[in-house]
């Protein structure tokens, strides 16, 4: 776009998120955001062995993170200690898998779908066990919004269904656009 700085859309999204007074409005602001992959590239890091989590902004009310996937990379099966989260593909196509745990502690996949730029996936309490996988030959990026700062997450063993809570590392610093 002519006249648009390389981070203009991201700056507007950050300003709009900071202006939100009710947590329930975070998702709507996030869905309406006008972002281009090029605007997030300055904040992206890549690793040949695993996906990367790139914190952009952390406030007392929310956290914004850029997740970068190389070809064949996937998250663990996990959920969060926050009320809600939204995942928005910025570049590439990912497979989103959702899971539940039965009373017998059996992990069951309940849904698998492709998500691409233009979609927003909503994770809410009681329905947030998930995994993302980049099955393509190209890199992929998602912008994730958490309704509270991430402190820990629960990781699930795919075979046994057992879970363990773990503190998140690497979210203390931000690479903030503003």
N, C-alpha and C. Protein backbone atom coordinates (compact mmCIF):
# COMPACT_ATOMS: atom_id res chain seq x y z
N UNK A 1 0.83 -1.18 0.00
CA UNK A 1 0.00 0.00 0.00
C UNK A 1 0.87 1.24 0.00
N UNK A 2 0.57 2.15 -0.86
CA UNK A 2 1.32 3.38 -0.95
C UNK A 2 1.06 4.23 0.29
N UNK A 3 2.14 4.77 0.85
CA UNK A 3 2.02 5.64 2.00
C UNK A 3 1.88 4.92 3.33
N UNK A 4 1.83 3.63 3.33
CA UNK A 4 1.69 2.88 4.58
C UNK A 4 3.06 2.46 5.06
N UNK A 5 3.41 2.81 6.30
CA UNK A 5 4.72 2.41 6.82
C UNK A 5 4.72 0.91 7.01
N UNK A 6 5.92 0.36 7.21
CA UNK A 6 6.04 -1.10 7.29
C UNK A 6 5.35 -1.68 8.51
N UNK A 7 5.00 -0.86 9.50
CA UNK A 7 4.31 -1.38 10.69
C UNK A 7 3.03 -0.60 11.00
N UNK A 8 2.50 0.13 10.04
CA UNK A 8 1.31 0.96 10.29
C UNK A 8 0.14 0.15 10.81
N UNK A 9 -0.16 -0.98 10.18
CA UNK A 9 -1.27 -1.81 10.61
C UNK A 9 -1.06 -2.37 12.00
N UNK A 10 0.15 -2.82 12.29
CA UNK A 10 0.46 -3.35 13.61
C UNK A 10 0.35 -2.26 14.67
N UNK A 11 0.83 -1.07 14.36
CA UNK A 11 0.70 0.05 15.30
C UNK A 11 -0.77 0.33 15.61
N UNK A 12 -1.62 0.30 14.60
CA UNK A 12 -3.06 0.54 14.80
C UNK A 12 -3.68 -0.58 15.65
N UNK A 13 -3.29 -1.82 15.39
CA UNK A 13 -3.83 -2.94 16.17
C UNK A 13 -3.43 -2.80 17.63
N UNK A 14 -2.16 -2.50 17.88
CA UNK A 14 -1.69 -2.34 19.26
C UNK A 14 -2.45 -1.20 19.94
N UNK A 15 -2.61 -0.08 19.27
CA UNK A 15 -3.35 1.05 19.86
C UNK A 15 -4.79 0.67 20.15
N UNK A 16 -5.43 -0.05 19.23
CA UNK A 16 -6.82 -0.46 19.43
C UNK A 16 -6.94 -1.45 20.59
N UNK A 17 -6.01 -2.39 20.70
CA UNK A 17 -6.04 -3.35 21.80
C UNK A 17 -5.82 -2.65 23.14
N UNK A 18 -4.91 -1.70 23.17
CA UNK A 18 -4.66 -0.95 24.41
C UNK A 18 -5.89 -0.14 24.83
N UNK A 19 -6.70 0.28 23.88
CA UNK A 19 -7.89 1.09 24.17
C UNK A 19 -9.08 0.26 24.65
N UNK A 20 -9.03 -1.05 24.50
CA UNK A 20 -10.15 -1.92 24.89
C UNK A 20 -10.33 -1.85 26.41
N UNK A 21 -11.56 -1.64 26.83
CA UNK A 21 -11.87 -1.56 28.26
C UNK A 21 -12.53 -2.84 28.78
N UNK A 22 -13.16 -3.60 27.90
CA UNK A 22 -13.81 -4.85 28.32
C UNK A 22 -13.12 -6.01 27.60
N UNK A 23 -12.70 -7.01 28.35
CA UNK A 23 -11.98 -8.14 27.75
C UNK A 23 -12.76 -8.80 26.62
N UNK A 24 -14.06 -8.81 26.72
CA UNK A 24 -14.86 -9.47 25.68
C UNK A 24 -14.72 -8.76 24.33
N UNK A 25 -14.24 -7.52 24.33
CA UNK A 25 -14.06 -6.78 23.08
C UNK A 25 -12.71 -7.04 22.40
N UNK A 26 -11.80 -7.69 23.09
CA UNK A 26 -10.48 -7.97 22.51
C UNK A 26 -10.59 -8.75 21.21
N UNK A 27 -11.38 -9.80 21.21
CA UNK A 27 -11.52 -10.65 20.03
C UNK A 27 -12.04 -9.90 18.82
N UNK A 28 -12.99 -9.01 19.03
CA UNK A 28 -13.56 -8.24 17.92
C UNK A 28 -12.51 -7.31 17.31
N UNK A 29 -11.76 -6.63 18.16
CA UNK A 29 -10.69 -5.76 17.66
C UNK A 29 -9.68 -6.59 16.87
N UNK A 30 -9.33 -7.74 17.40
CA UNK A 30 -8.34 -8.62 16.75
C UNK A 30 -8.86 -9.12 15.40
N UNK A 31 -10.12 -9.50 15.34
CA UNK A 31 -10.70 -9.99 14.08
C UNK A 31 -10.71 -8.93 12.99
N UNK A 32 -10.93 -7.69 13.38
CA UNK A 32 -11.05 -6.60 12.41
C UNK A 32 -9.71 -6.01 12.00
N UNK A 33 -8.63 -6.45 12.60
CA UNK A 33 -7.31 -5.88 12.32
C UNK A 33 -6.91 -6.06 10.85
N UNK A 34 -6.32 -5.03 10.30
CA UNK A 34 -5.83 -5.04 8.92
C UNK A 34 -4.31 -5.17 8.98
N UNK A 35 -3.81 -6.39 8.77
CA UNK A 35 -2.38 -6.66 8.88
C UNK A 35 -1.84 -7.35 7.65
N UNK A 36 -0.62 -7.01 7.30
CA UNK A 36 0.08 -7.66 6.19
C UNK A 36 1.26 -8.45 6.76
N UNK A 37 1.60 -9.59 6.15
CA UNK A 37 2.75 -10.37 6.64
C UNK A 37 4.03 -9.54 6.74
N UNK A 38 4.24 -8.64 5.79
CA UNK A 38 5.46 -7.82 5.77
C UNK A 38 5.60 -6.97 7.03
N UNK A 39 4.47 -6.61 7.64
CA UNK A 39 4.51 -5.78 8.84
C UNK A 39 5.03 -6.55 10.04
N UNK A 40 4.90 -7.85 10.02
CA UNK A 40 5.33 -8.65 11.16
C UNK A 40 6.71 -9.28 10.97
N UNK A 41 7.22 -9.28 9.77
CA UNK A 41 8.53 -9.88 9.51
C UNK A 41 9.65 -9.31 10.38
N UNK A 42 9.67 -7.99 10.68
CA UNK A 42 10.74 -7.49 11.55
C UNK A 42 10.76 -8.13 12.94
N UNK A 43 9.66 -8.73 13.36
CA UNK A 43 9.55 -9.33 14.69
C UNK A 43 9.67 -10.85 14.66
N UNK A 44 9.78 -11.42 13.47
CA UNK A 44 9.80 -12.88 13.30
C UNK A 44 11.20 -13.44 13.51
N UNK A 45 11.28 -14.57 14.19
CA UNK A 45 12.51 -15.35 14.26
C UNK A 45 12.17 -16.77 13.86
N UNK A 46 13.15 -17.48 13.34
CA UNK A 46 12.94 -18.83 12.84
C UNK A 46 14.01 -19.75 13.41
N UNK A 47 13.65 -21.00 13.59
CA UNK A 47 14.58 -22.01 14.07
C UNK A 47 14.35 -23.26 13.23
N UNK A 48 15.40 -23.87 12.76
CA UNK A 48 15.26 -25.06 11.90
C UNK A 48 14.65 -26.25 12.63
N UNK A 49 14.80 -26.30 13.96
CA UNK A 49 14.37 -27.48 14.71
C UNK A 49 12.96 -27.38 15.30
N UNK A 50 12.51 -26.18 15.60
CA UNK A 50 11.20 -26.04 16.24
C UNK A 50 10.60 -24.67 15.94
N UNK A 51 9.30 -24.58 16.16
CA UNK A 51 8.62 -23.30 15.96
C UNK A 51 9.13 -22.30 17.00
N UNK A 52 8.91 -21.01 16.76
CA UNK A 52 9.36 -20.00 17.71
C UNK A 52 8.18 -19.15 18.18
N UNK A 53 8.29 -18.70 19.43
CA UNK A 53 7.32 -17.79 20.02
C UNK A 53 8.01 -16.44 20.18
N UNK A 54 7.45 -15.42 19.56
CA UNK A 54 8.05 -14.09 19.57
C UNK A 54 7.11 -13.10 20.25
N UNK A 55 7.35 -12.81 21.53
CA UNK A 55 6.47 -11.88 22.24
C UNK A 55 6.53 -10.48 21.64
N UNK A 56 5.38 -9.91 21.36
CA UNK A 56 5.31 -8.56 20.82
C UNK A 56 4.92 -7.54 21.87
N UNK A 57 3.93 -7.88 22.67
CA UNK A 57 3.43 -6.93 23.67
C UNK A 57 2.77 -7.69 24.80
N UNK A 58 3.09 -7.27 26.02
CA UNK A 58 2.49 -7.88 27.20
C UNK A 58 2.03 -6.76 28.11
N UNK A 59 0.74 -6.75 28.43
CA UNK A 59 0.19 -5.79 29.38
C UNK A 59 -0.45 -6.58 30.51
N UNK A 60 -1.03 -5.90 31.45
CA UNK A 60 -1.73 -6.61 32.53
C UNK A 60 -3.02 -7.24 32.03
N UNK A 61 -3.51 -6.81 30.85
CA UNK A 61 -4.79 -7.29 30.33
C UNK A 61 -4.68 -8.32 29.21
N UNK A 62 -3.59 -8.30 28.45
CA UNK A 62 -3.48 -9.21 27.30
C UNK A 62 -2.02 -9.40 26.90
N UNK A 63 -1.81 -10.38 26.04
CA UNK A 63 -0.49 -10.62 25.46
C UNK A 63 -0.65 -10.88 23.98
N UNK A 64 0.23 -10.29 23.19
CA UNK A 64 0.24 -10.44 21.74
C UNK A 64 1.56 -11.12 21.36
N UNK A 65 1.45 -12.22 20.62
CA UNK A 65 2.63 -13.01 20.30
C UNK A 65 2.60 -13.45 18.84
N UNK A 66 3.76 -13.41 18.20
CA UNK A 66 3.92 -13.90 16.84
C UNK A 66 4.55 -15.29 16.91
N UNK A 67 3.87 -16.27 16.31
CA UNK A 67 4.38 -17.65 16.30
C UNK A 67 4.84 -17.95 14.87
N UNK A 68 6.07 -18.46 14.74
CA UNK A 68 6.66 -18.73 13.43
C UNK A 68 6.94 -20.23 13.29
N UNK A 69 6.42 -20.81 12.22
CA UNK A 69 6.55 -22.24 11.95
C UNK A 69 7.34 -22.46 10.67
N UNK A 70 8.37 -23.28 10.74
CA UNK A 70 9.03 -23.74 9.53
C UNK A 70 8.26 -24.91 8.97
N UNK A 71 8.61 -25.37 7.78
CA UNK A 71 7.94 -26.54 7.20
C UNK A 71 8.03 -27.75 8.14
N UNK A 72 6.90 -28.41 8.36
CA UNK A 72 6.86 -29.62 9.19
C UNK A 72 6.86 -29.38 10.68
N UNK A 73 6.89 -28.15 11.13
CA UNK A 73 6.94 -27.87 12.57
C UNK A 73 5.54 -27.81 13.17
N UNK A 74 5.46 -28.21 14.46
CA UNK A 74 4.18 -28.25 15.16
C UNK A 74 4.37 -27.85 16.61
N UNK A 75 3.30 -27.36 17.20
CA UNK A 75 3.29 -27.14 18.64
C UNK A 75 3.05 -28.48 19.32
N UNK A 76 3.26 -28.51 20.62
CA UNK A 76 2.81 -29.66 21.40
C UNK A 76 1.29 -29.56 21.50
N UNK A 77 0.66 -30.60 21.99
CA UNK A 77 -0.77 -30.53 22.32
C UNK A 77 -0.83 -29.82 23.66
N UNK A 78 -1.56 -28.70 23.73
CA UNK A 78 -1.53 -27.88 24.93
C UNK A 78 -2.79 -27.04 25.07
N UNK A 79 -2.93 -26.44 26.26
CA UNK A 79 -3.90 -25.38 26.49
C UNK A 79 -3.28 -24.38 27.44
N UNK A 80 -4.00 -23.30 27.76
CA UNK A 80 -3.43 -22.19 28.50
C UNK A 80 -4.12 -21.97 29.83
N UNK A 81 -3.51 -21.10 30.64
CA UNK A 81 -4.10 -20.71 31.92
C UNK A 81 -4.83 -19.37 31.80
N UNK A 82 -5.23 -19.00 30.58
CA UNK A 82 -5.94 -17.74 30.37
C UNK A 82 -7.39 -18.01 30.02
N UNK A 83 -8.20 -16.99 30.11
CA UNK A 83 -9.62 -17.15 29.84
C UNK A 83 -9.89 -17.44 28.37
N UNK A 84 -9.29 -16.68 27.48
CA UNK A 84 -9.56 -16.85 26.05
C UNK A 84 -8.30 -16.55 25.26
N UNK A 85 -8.27 -17.07 24.04
CA UNK A 85 -7.18 -16.77 23.11
C UNK A 85 -7.74 -16.78 21.69
N UNK A 86 -7.07 -16.02 20.83
CA UNK A 86 -7.43 -15.97 19.41
C UNK A 86 -6.16 -16.20 18.60
N UNK A 87 -6.26 -17.01 17.56
CA UNK A 87 -5.12 -17.33 16.70
C UNK A 87 -5.48 -16.91 15.29
N UNK A 88 -4.62 -16.09 14.72
CA UNK A 88 -4.89 -15.55 13.38
C UNK A 88 -3.71 -15.84 12.47
N UNK A 89 -3.88 -16.72 11.48
CA UNK A 89 -2.80 -16.96 10.52
C UNK A 89 -2.50 -15.67 9.75
N UNK A 90 -1.23 -15.36 9.63
CA UNK A 90 -0.78 -14.17 8.91
C UNK A 90 -0.16 -14.57 7.58
N UNK A 91 0.53 -15.69 7.57
CA UNK A 91 1.16 -16.21 6.35
C UNK A 91 1.15 -17.73 6.41
N UNK A 92 0.87 -18.37 5.30
CA UNK A 92 0.87 -19.83 5.25
C UNK A 92 -0.44 -20.44 5.72
N UNK A 93 -0.53 -21.73 5.55
CA UNK A 93 -1.71 -22.50 5.95
C UNK A 93 -1.28 -23.50 7.01
N UNK A 94 -2.02 -23.57 8.09
CA UNK A 94 -1.72 -24.49 9.18
C UNK A 94 -2.88 -25.46 9.39
N UNK A 95 -2.56 -26.59 9.98
CA UNK A 95 -3.59 -27.52 10.43
C UNK A 95 -3.82 -27.26 11.92
N UNK A 96 -5.07 -27.03 12.27
CA UNK A 96 -5.46 -26.86 13.67
C UNK A 96 -6.16 -28.14 14.11
N UNK A 97 -5.68 -28.72 15.19
CA UNK A 97 -6.33 -29.90 15.77
C UNK A 97 -6.83 -29.51 17.15
N UNK A 98 -8.06 -29.91 17.46
CA UNK A 98 -8.65 -29.69 18.78
C UNK A 98 -8.84 -31.04 19.45
N UNK A 99 -8.71 -31.05 20.78
CA UNK A 99 -8.78 -32.29 21.55
C UNK A 99 -9.64 -32.10 22.79
N UNK A 100 -10.10 -33.21 23.34
CA UNK A 100 -10.73 -33.25 24.66
C UNK A 100 -10.08 -34.39 25.43
N UNK A 101 -10.24 -34.35 26.75
CA UNK A 101 -9.76 -35.42 27.61
C UNK A 101 -10.97 -36.03 28.29
N UNK A 102 -11.13 -37.33 28.15
CA UNK A 102 -12.27 -38.02 28.76
C UNK A 102 -12.06 -38.16 30.27
N UNK A 103 -13.09 -38.60 30.96
CA UNK A 103 -12.98 -38.86 32.40
C UNK A 103 -11.93 -39.91 32.70
N UNK A 104 -11.66 -40.77 31.73
CA UNK A 104 -10.65 -41.82 31.89
C UNK A 104 -9.26 -41.33 31.49
N UNK A 105 -9.13 -40.03 31.28
CA UNK A 105 -7.87 -39.39 30.89
C UNK A 105 -7.36 -39.83 29.52
N UNK A 106 -8.29 -40.13 28.62
CA UNK A 106 -7.93 -40.47 27.24
C UNK A 106 -8.05 -39.20 26.40
N UNK A 107 -6.99 -38.88 25.68
CA UNK A 107 -6.97 -37.71 24.82
C UNK A 107 -7.60 -38.08 23.48
N UNK A 108 -8.60 -37.31 23.07
CA UNK A 108 -9.29 -37.60 21.81
C UNK A 108 -9.29 -36.36 20.92
N UNK A 109 -8.92 -36.56 19.65
CA UNK A 109 -9.01 -35.45 18.69
C UNK A 109 -10.47 -35.30 18.30
N UNK A 110 -10.98 -34.08 18.42
CA UNK A 110 -12.38 -33.82 18.10
C UNK A 110 -12.56 -33.08 16.78
N UNK A 111 -11.47 -32.44 16.32
CA UNK A 111 -11.58 -31.68 15.08
C UNK A 111 -10.20 -31.46 14.49
N UNK A 112 -10.14 -31.46 13.17
CA UNK A 112 -8.93 -31.11 12.44
C UNK A 112 -9.36 -30.29 11.23
N UNK A 113 -8.74 -29.12 11.07
CA UNK A 113 -9.11 -28.27 9.94
C UNK A 113 -7.92 -27.42 9.54
N UNK A 114 -7.96 -26.94 8.31
CA UNK A 114 -6.94 -26.02 7.82
C UNK A 114 -7.37 -24.60 8.15
N UNK A 115 -6.41 -23.80 8.58
CA UNK A 115 -6.68 -22.38 8.80
C UNK A 115 -5.66 -21.58 7.99
N UNK A 116 -6.13 -20.50 7.40
CA UNK A 116 -5.32 -19.69 6.50
C UNK A 116 -5.54 -18.22 6.81
N UNK A 117 -4.70 -17.34 6.26
CA UNK A 117 -4.92 -15.91 6.46
C UNK A 117 -6.36 -15.53 6.12
N UNK A 118 -6.92 -14.66 6.95
CA UNK A 118 -8.32 -14.27 6.80
C UNK A 118 -9.23 -14.96 7.79
N UNK A 119 -8.72 -15.98 8.49
CA UNK A 119 -9.52 -16.67 9.50
C UNK A 119 -8.97 -16.34 10.89
N UNK A 120 -9.82 -16.45 11.88
CA UNK A 120 -9.41 -16.30 13.27
C UNK A 120 -10.00 -17.46 14.04
N UNK A 121 -9.15 -18.18 14.75
CA UNK A 121 -9.59 -19.30 15.57
C UNK A 121 -9.71 -18.82 17.01
N UNK A 122 -10.81 -19.16 17.65
CA UNK A 122 -11.10 -18.73 19.02
C UNK A 122 -10.96 -19.92 19.96
N UNK A 123 -10.15 -19.76 20.99
CA UNK A 123 -9.97 -20.79 22.02
C UNK A 123 -10.59 -20.26 23.30
N UNK A 124 -11.52 -21.03 23.86
CA UNK A 124 -12.20 -20.57 25.07
C UNK A 124 -12.10 -21.64 26.16
N UNK A 125 -12.31 -21.25 27.40
CA UNK A 125 -12.18 -22.19 28.51
C UNK A 125 -13.02 -23.44 28.29
N UNK A 126 -12.43 -24.57 28.59
CA UNK A 126 -13.11 -25.84 28.44
C UNK A 126 -13.06 -26.41 27.04
N UNK A 127 -12.59 -25.62 26.09
CA UNK A 127 -12.52 -26.05 24.69
C UNK A 127 -11.22 -25.56 24.06
N UNK A 128 -10.13 -25.63 24.81
CA UNK A 128 -8.91 -24.99 24.32
C UNK A 128 -7.72 -25.92 24.13
N UNK A 129 -7.91 -27.22 24.27
CA UNK A 129 -6.78 -28.13 24.04
C UNK A 129 -6.58 -28.22 22.53
N UNK A 130 -5.36 -27.93 22.09
CA UNK A 130 -5.14 -27.82 20.65
C UNK A 130 -3.67 -28.06 20.28
N UNK A 131 -3.47 -28.15 18.97
CA UNK A 131 -2.12 -28.22 18.39
C UNK A 131 -2.20 -27.59 17.00
N UNK A 132 -1.13 -26.90 16.60
CA UNK A 132 -1.01 -26.35 15.25
C UNK A 132 0.17 -27.01 14.57
N UNK A 133 0.00 -27.29 13.27
CA UNK A 133 1.01 -28.01 12.50
C UNK A 133 1.13 -27.39 11.12
N UNK A 134 2.36 -27.14 10.70
CA UNK A 134 2.62 -26.62 9.36
C UNK A 134 3.02 -27.80 8.47
N UNK A 135 2.08 -28.31 7.70
CA UNK A 135 2.33 -29.47 6.83
C UNK A 135 2.84 -29.06 5.45
N UNK A 136 3.10 -27.79 5.27
CA UNK A 136 3.47 -27.28 3.95
C UNK A 136 4.97 -27.04 3.84
N UNK A 137 5.42 -26.80 2.61
CA UNK A 137 6.84 -26.56 2.34
C UNK A 137 7.25 -25.12 2.62
N UNK A 138 6.29 -24.23 2.83
CA UNK A 138 6.58 -22.82 3.09
C UNK A 138 6.46 -22.52 4.58
N UNK A 139 7.08 -21.44 4.99
CA UNK A 139 6.95 -20.98 6.37
C UNK A 139 5.52 -20.48 6.62
N UNK A 140 5.16 -20.46 7.90
CA UNK A 140 3.84 -19.95 8.30
C UNK A 140 4.01 -19.11 9.55
N UNK A 141 3.12 -18.14 9.73
CA UNK A 141 3.12 -17.29 10.92
C UNK A 141 1.69 -17.12 11.41
N UNK A 142 1.53 -17.13 12.72
CA UNK A 142 0.25 -16.76 13.32
C UNK A 142 0.49 -15.62 14.30
N UNK A 143 -0.50 -14.76 14.41
CA UNK A 143 -0.50 -13.74 15.44
C UNK A 143 -1.50 -14.22 16.48
N UNK A 144 -1.04 -14.37 17.71
CA UNK A 144 -1.88 -14.90 18.79
C UNK A 144 -2.15 -13.80 19.81
N UNK A 145 -3.40 -13.73 20.23
CA UNK A 145 -3.81 -12.78 21.26
C UNK A 145 -4.37 -13.58 22.43
N UNK A 146 -3.82 -13.35 23.61
CA UNK A 146 -4.26 -14.03 24.82
C UNK A 146 -4.94 -13.00 25.73
N UNK A 147 -6.10 -13.34 26.29
CA UNK A 147 -6.91 -12.40 27.07
C UNK A 147 -6.29 -12.08 28.43
N UNK A 148 -5.17 -12.66 28.73
CA UNK A 148 -4.37 -12.35 29.91
C UNK A 148 -2.95 -12.78 29.58
N UNK A 149 -1.96 -12.20 30.22
CA UNK A 149 -0.59 -12.63 29.93
C UNK A 149 -0.39 -14.11 30.24
N UNK A 150 0.34 -14.78 29.38
CA UNK A 150 0.61 -16.21 29.59
C UNK A 150 1.64 -16.38 30.69
N UNK A 151 1.34 -17.27 31.63
CA UNK A 151 2.28 -17.59 32.69
C UNK A 151 2.67 -19.06 32.64
N UNK A 152 1.70 -19.88 32.31
CA UNK A 152 1.97 -21.32 32.21
C UNK A 152 1.03 -21.92 31.18
N UNK A 153 1.33 -23.14 30.82
CA UNK A 153 0.45 -23.88 29.93
C UNK A 153 0.47 -25.33 30.35
N UNK A 154 -0.51 -26.05 29.90
CA UNK A 154 -0.61 -27.47 30.21
C UNK A 154 -0.30 -28.23 28.92
N UNK A 155 0.69 -29.12 28.99
CA UNK A 155 1.09 -29.92 27.83
C UNK A 155 0.58 -31.34 28.03
N UNK A 156 0.02 -31.91 26.97
CA UNK A 156 -0.60 -33.23 27.01
C UNK A 156 0.24 -34.24 26.26
N UNK A 157 0.33 -35.44 26.82
CA UNK A 157 0.98 -36.55 26.14
C UNK A 157 -0.05 -37.20 25.22
N UNK A 158 0.26 -37.28 23.94
CA UNK A 158 -0.70 -37.78 22.97
C UNK A 158 -1.08 -39.23 23.21
N UNK A 159 -0.16 -40.03 23.68
CA UNK A 159 -0.45 -41.47 23.88
C UNK A 159 -1.22 -41.74 25.16
N UNK A 160 -0.77 -41.13 26.26
CA UNK A 160 -1.37 -41.45 27.56
C UNK A 160 -2.50 -40.50 27.95
N UNK A 161 -2.51 -39.31 27.39
CA UNK A 161 -3.49 -38.31 27.79
C UNK A 161 -3.09 -37.56 29.05
N UNK A 162 -1.98 -37.97 29.66
CA UNK A 162 -1.50 -37.30 30.87
C UNK A 162 -1.09 -35.87 30.52
N UNK A 163 -1.20 -35.00 31.51
CA UNK A 163 -0.82 -33.60 31.28
C UNK A 163 0.10 -33.12 32.39
N UNK A 164 0.86 -32.09 32.06
CA UNK A 164 1.74 -31.47 33.04
C UNK A 164 1.74 -29.97 32.79
N UNK A 165 1.61 -29.20 33.87
CA UNK A 165 1.68 -27.74 33.75
C UNK A 165 3.13 -27.32 33.73
N UNK A 166 3.42 -26.36 32.87
CA UNK A 166 4.79 -25.85 32.76
C UNK A 166 4.75 -24.34 32.68
N UNK A 167 5.72 -23.73 33.35
CA UNK A 167 5.87 -22.28 33.24
C UNK A 167 6.40 -21.97 31.85
N UNK A 168 5.92 -20.89 31.29
CA UNK A 168 6.40 -20.47 29.97
C UNK A 168 7.69 -19.69 30.13
N UNK A 169 8.64 -20.01 29.28
CA UNK A 169 9.90 -19.28 29.27
C UNK A 169 9.91 -18.37 28.06
N UNK A 170 10.70 -17.33 28.14
CA UNK A 170 10.90 -16.47 26.99
C UNK A 170 9.79 -15.48 26.74
N UNK A 171 8.86 -15.33 27.68
CA UNK A 171 7.79 -14.36 27.46
C UNK A 171 7.99 -13.11 28.32
N UNK A 172 9.13 -13.00 28.99
CA UNK A 172 9.35 -11.84 29.84
C UNK A 172 9.76 -10.60 29.06
N UNK A 173 10.42 -10.80 27.94
CA UNK A 173 10.82 -9.65 27.15
C UNK A 173 9.82 -9.47 26.02
N UNK A 174 9.65 -8.26 25.61
CA UNK A 174 8.79 -8.04 24.46
C UNK A 174 9.59 -7.36 23.37
N UNK A 175 9.21 -7.59 22.15
CA UNK A 175 9.81 -6.95 20.99
C UNK A 175 8.74 -6.03 20.44
N UNK A 176 8.32 -5.13 21.27
CA UNK A 176 7.11 -4.37 21.03
C UNK A 176 7.19 -3.43 19.84
N UNK A 177 6.11 -3.40 19.06
CA UNK A 177 6.01 -2.42 18.00
C UNK A 177 5.82 -1.01 18.57
N UNK A 178 5.35 -0.90 19.77
CA UNK A 178 5.20 0.39 20.48
C UNK A 178 4.98 0.11 21.94
